[in-house]
Protein backbone atom coordinates (compact mmCIF):
# COMPACT_ATOMS: atom_id res chain seq x y z
CA MET A 1 -0.11 0.06 0.10
CA LEU A 2 1.27 3.42 -0.87
CA GLU A 3 1.68 6.01 1.81
CA PRO A 4 -0.16 8.23 2.23
CA ASN A 5 -2.82 6.00 1.03
CA GLY A 6 -4.72 7.62 -1.73
CA LEU A 7 -3.14 11.06 -2.21
CA LEU A 8 -3.32 11.99 -5.85
CA CYS A 9 -2.28 15.45 -6.28
CA ALA A 10 -1.83 18.91 -4.54
CA GLY A 11 -3.04 22.24 -5.78
CA LEU A 12 -5.99 23.61 -7.74
CA ASP A 13 -9.01 25.37 -6.42
CA LEU A 14 -12.28 24.54 -4.65
CA SER A 15 -14.72 25.74 -7.15
CA PRO A 16 -18.08 23.83 -7.15
CA ALA A 17 -17.35 22.54 -10.80
CA ARG A 18 -13.93 21.18 -9.76
CA ILE A 19 -15.32 19.56 -6.46
CA LEU A 20 -18.22 18.03 -8.37
CA ASP A 21 -15.87 16.65 -11.09
CA ALA A 22 -13.62 15.20 -8.48
CA TYR A 23 -16.49 13.47 -6.68
CA ARG A 24 -17.78 12.00 -9.90
CA HIS A 25 -14.24 10.36 -10.23
CA GLY A 26 -14.20 9.02 -6.83
CA ILE A 27 -11.87 11.83 -5.38
CA PHE A 28 -12.23 14.14 -2.61
CA PRO A 29 -10.33 17.09 -1.08
CA TRP A 30 -9.02 16.90 2.41
CA PHE A 31 -6.16 19.16 3.80
CA ASN A 32 -4.98 20.97 6.75
CA PRO A 33 -5.01 24.80 7.13
CA GLY A 34 -1.84 26.27 5.44
CA GLU A 35 -1.56 23.38 2.95
CA PRO A 36 -2.40 23.24 -0.67
CA VAL A 37 -5.55 21.60 -1.35
CA LEU A 38 -4.79 17.83 -1.43
CA TRP A 39 -6.89 15.33 -3.39
CA TRP A 40 -7.60 11.82 -2.29
CA SER A 41 -8.94 8.38 -3.54
CA PRO A 42 -7.90 5.67 -1.05
CA ASP A 43 -7.81 2.00 -1.67
CA PRO A 44 -9.51 0.24 -0.11
CA ARG A 45 -12.59 2.61 0.34
CA MET A 46 -14.68 2.55 3.36
CA VAL A 47 -18.34 2.37 2.57
CA LEU A 48 -21.78 1.96 4.06
CA VAL A 49 -24.70 0.31 2.24
CA PRO A 50 -27.89 2.23 3.59
CA ALA A 51 -29.71 -1.09 4.03
CA GLU A 52 -26.88 -2.59 6.02
CA VAL A 53 -26.64 0.03 8.83
CA LYS A 54 -26.47 -1.61 12.18
CA VAL A 55 -28.64 -0.21 14.99
CA ALA A 56 -27.50 -1.41 18.31
CA ARG A 57 -30.12 -2.48 20.89
CA SER A 58 -29.52 0.69 23.20
CA LEU A 59 -29.73 2.95 20.11
CA ARG A 60 -32.83 1.23 19.00
CA GLN A 61 -34.31 1.83 22.50
CA ARG A 62 -33.29 5.39 22.34
CA MET A 63 -35.13 5.94 19.13
CA LYS A 64 -38.20 4.37 20.59
CA ARG A 65 -38.05 6.79 23.62
CA GLY A 66 -38.03 9.83 21.14
CA GLY A 67 -37.49 13.19 22.56
CA TYR A 68 -35.35 14.22 19.66
CA GLU A 69 -36.19 15.44 16.09
CA VAL A 70 -34.23 14.86 12.97
CA ARG A 71 -34.28 17.62 10.44
CA VAL A 72 -32.54 18.05 7.07
CA ASP A 73 -31.14 21.09 5.14
CA THR A 74 -32.11 23.54 7.86
CA SER A 75 -28.80 24.44 9.34
CA PHE A 76 -26.27 23.51 6.95
CA ARG A 77 -23.63 25.99 7.92
CA GLU A 78 -24.11 25.47 11.51
CA VAL A 79 -23.60 21.65 11.15
CA MET A 80 -20.18 22.37 9.29
CA LEU A 81 -19.04 24.72 11.95
CA ALA A 82 -20.02 22.07 14.67
CA CYS A 83 -17.93 19.52 12.74
CA ALA A 84 -15.09 21.87 12.72
CA GLU A 85 -15.18 22.39 16.61
CA PRO A 86 -12.10 21.01 18.39
CA ARG A 87 -12.23 17.37 19.56
CA ALA A 88 -10.62 15.37 22.34
CA GLY A 89 -6.99 14.41 21.05
CA GLN A 90 -7.12 16.59 18.01
CA SER A 91 -5.08 19.88 17.76
CA GLY A 92 -7.02 21.28 14.86
CA THR A 93 -9.59 20.64 12.09
CA TRP A 94 -9.43 20.07 8.49
CA ILE A 95 -12.56 22.05 7.90
CA SER A 96 -11.14 25.43 7.24
CA GLN A 97 -12.76 28.45 5.94
CA PRO A 98 -12.21 27.69 2.33
CA MET A 99 -13.85 24.22 2.85
CA LEU A 100 -16.73 26.06 4.65
CA ASP A 101 -17.30 28.36 1.99
CA ALA A 102 -16.99 25.77 -0.87
CA TYR A 103 -19.49 23.36 0.67
CA ALA A 104 -21.86 26.17 1.67
CA ARG A 105 -21.90 27.00 -2.00
CA LEU A 106 -22.53 23.35 -3.01
CA HIS A 107 -25.43 23.40 -0.45
CA GLU A 108 -26.84 26.30 -2.22
CA LEU A 109 -26.66 24.51 -5.62
CA GLY A 110 -28.48 21.55 -4.09
CA TYR A 111 -25.62 19.19 -3.89
CA ALA A 112 -24.39 19.36 -0.25
CA HIS A 113 -26.90 18.38 2.58
CA SER A 114 -26.95 18.31 6.40
CA VAL A 115 -28.79 15.92 8.60
CA GLU A 116 -29.39 17.16 12.07
CA THR A 117 -30.49 15.95 15.33
CA TRP A 118 -32.39 18.48 17.63
CA MET A 119 -32.80 17.95 21.26
CA ASP A 120 -34.54 20.56 23.50
CA GLY A 121 -34.49 23.11 20.77
CA GLU A 122 -30.77 22.79 20.25
CA LEU A 123 -28.56 21.38 17.64
CA ALA A 124 -27.17 18.29 19.36
CA GLY A 125 -25.50 16.41 16.61
CA GLY A 126 -25.47 15.57 12.92
CA LEU A 127 -23.60 15.13 9.57
CA TYR A 128 -23.15 16.55 6.25
CA GLY A 129 -22.21 15.26 2.87
CA MET A 130 -22.68 15.33 -0.90
CA ALA A 131 -25.34 13.72 -2.98
CA ILE A 132 -24.91 13.23 -6.82
CA GLY A 133 -27.39 10.97 -8.61
CA ARG A 134 -28.19 8.26 -5.89
CA MET A 135 -24.75 8.33 -4.44
CA PHE A 136 -24.09 9.86 -1.07
CA TYR A 137 -20.59 11.08 -0.13
CA GLY A 138 -20.32 11.42 3.56
CA GLU A 139 -17.94 14.10 4.97
CA SER A 140 -18.02 14.61 8.66
CA MET A 141 -20.18 13.97 11.79
CA PHE A 142 -20.44 15.67 15.24
CA SER A 143 -22.21 14.98 18.55
CA ARG A 144 -22.78 17.26 21.44
CA ARG A 145 -24.89 14.84 23.16
CA PRO A 146 -25.01 10.92 23.43
CA ASP A 147 -26.04 9.04 20.25
CA ALA A 148 -26.92 12.39 18.43
CA SER A 149 -24.66 11.58 15.31
CA LYS A 150 -25.66 8.11 15.31
CA LEU A 151 -29.53 8.95 15.32
CA ALA A 152 -28.70 11.40 12.30
CA LEU A 153 -26.87 8.65 10.49
CA VAL A 154 -29.64 5.98 10.97
CA HIS A 155 -32.27 8.17 9.79
CA LEU A 156 -30.38 9.24 6.86
CA CYS A 157 -29.71 5.48 5.87
CA ARG A 158 -33.39 4.55 6.03
CA GLN A 159 -34.08 7.58 3.80
CA LEU A 160 -31.44 6.87 1.40
CA GLU A 161 -32.55 3.30 1.33
CA ALA A 162 -36.08 4.33 0.44
CA TRP A 163 -34.89 6.75 -2.27
CA GLY A 164 -32.77 4.13 -3.88
CA PHE A 165 -29.27 5.11 -2.83
CA GLY A 166 -26.95 2.31 -3.16
CA LEU A 167 -23.92 3.61 -1.23
CA ILE A 168 -22.61 6.05 1.27
CA ASP A 169 -18.95 6.90 0.74
CA CYS A 170 -17.21 6.97 4.22
CA GLN A 171 -13.77 7.73 2.76
CA MET A 172 -11.56 6.54 5.56
CA GLU A 173 -11.90 3.53 7.86
CA THR A 174 -12.81 4.05 11.51
CA ALA A 175 -13.98 1.93 14.16
CA HIS A 176 -17.03 4.08 14.84
CA LEU A 177 -18.20 3.71 11.27
CA ALA A 178 -17.29 -0.02 11.15
CA SER A 179 -19.60 -0.37 14.31
CA MET A 180 -22.53 1.10 12.23
CA GLY A 181 -22.03 -1.52 9.58
CA ALA A 182 -19.43 0.20 7.24
CA ARG A 183 -16.89 -1.80 5.46
CA PRO A 184 -13.79 -1.54 3.32
CA ILE A 185 -14.07 -2.52 -0.37
CA PRO A 186 -11.50 -2.32 -3.29
CA ARG A 187 -11.39 1.08 -4.84
CA SER A 188 -12.21 -0.59 -8.26
CA GLU A 189 -15.43 -1.90 -6.90
CA PHE A 190 -16.27 1.38 -5.28
CA ILE A 191 -15.79 3.34 -8.62
CA ARG A 192 -17.84 0.56 -10.61
CA GLU A 193 -20.74 1.01 -8.29
CA MET A 194 -20.36 4.75 -7.80
CA LYS A 195 -20.59 5.41 -11.62
CA ARG A 196 -23.76 3.27 -11.83
CA LEU A 197 -25.44 5.19 -9.11
CA LEU A 198 -24.28 8.48 -10.61
CA GLU A 199 -26.51 7.81 -13.69
CA TRP A 200 -29.78 8.02 -11.59
CA GLU A 201 -31.97 11.11 -11.36
CA PRO A 202 -31.13 13.00 -8.22
CA VAL A 203 -33.45 13.79 -5.38
CA PRO A 204 -34.71 17.52 -5.63
CA ALA A 205 -33.30 19.83 -3.07
CA PRO A 206 -33.89 20.98 -0.54
CA TRP A 207 -34.40 17.48 0.86
CA ARG A 208 -37.28 16.64 3.29
CA PHE A 209 -37.30 13.19 5.05
CA ASP A 210 -40.49 11.14 5.00
CA PRO A 211 -41.27 10.59 8.70
CA SER A 212 -42.79 7.20 8.04
CA VAL A 213 -39.61 5.83 6.72
CA SER A 214 -37.68 6.25 9.95
CA SER A 215 -40.42 5.23 12.43
């Protein structure tokens, strides 16, 4: 395996057209502040099939208790800012101002989406990512209260399954995502399945989830 795994090139800009073209080829930007834009396509690729999301018993019980609301595309910039907040064991964030501005513009264009978990009237957790055709590219998650990001992910998976989405790109392998059902697959397999899903008609933006799908 080459190190760093999947680094293709450095430079270029973060225009919507360039980012969309990169995603359509299985490439995504990821870099630290002060670095040039770095473009990645790791092998293997971590993916989550929406129908295969794992819901632990404790999380299932939490969902039955309620006391939360999952919204979509209502607070995109706030979700990105929350994902950029410092975390334990990390000295900084890769979600810099140029990334924030780029994805906020993609949200305005209907490609980038946020899934938000609200508790007691406050944004408690969530995630954001990109959708092209019936392919979803996950970018980042955050939790301010227990299980908040997991609730957002489960609701997203159930809605994506209902809409006919075949894959969620998780990019890099993590234990957290693996516990939710994500798994690594060869990049060649990822690219093949992604290209098939990109040919499907997109879901019109802004997204609205069907409450009956996640019940």
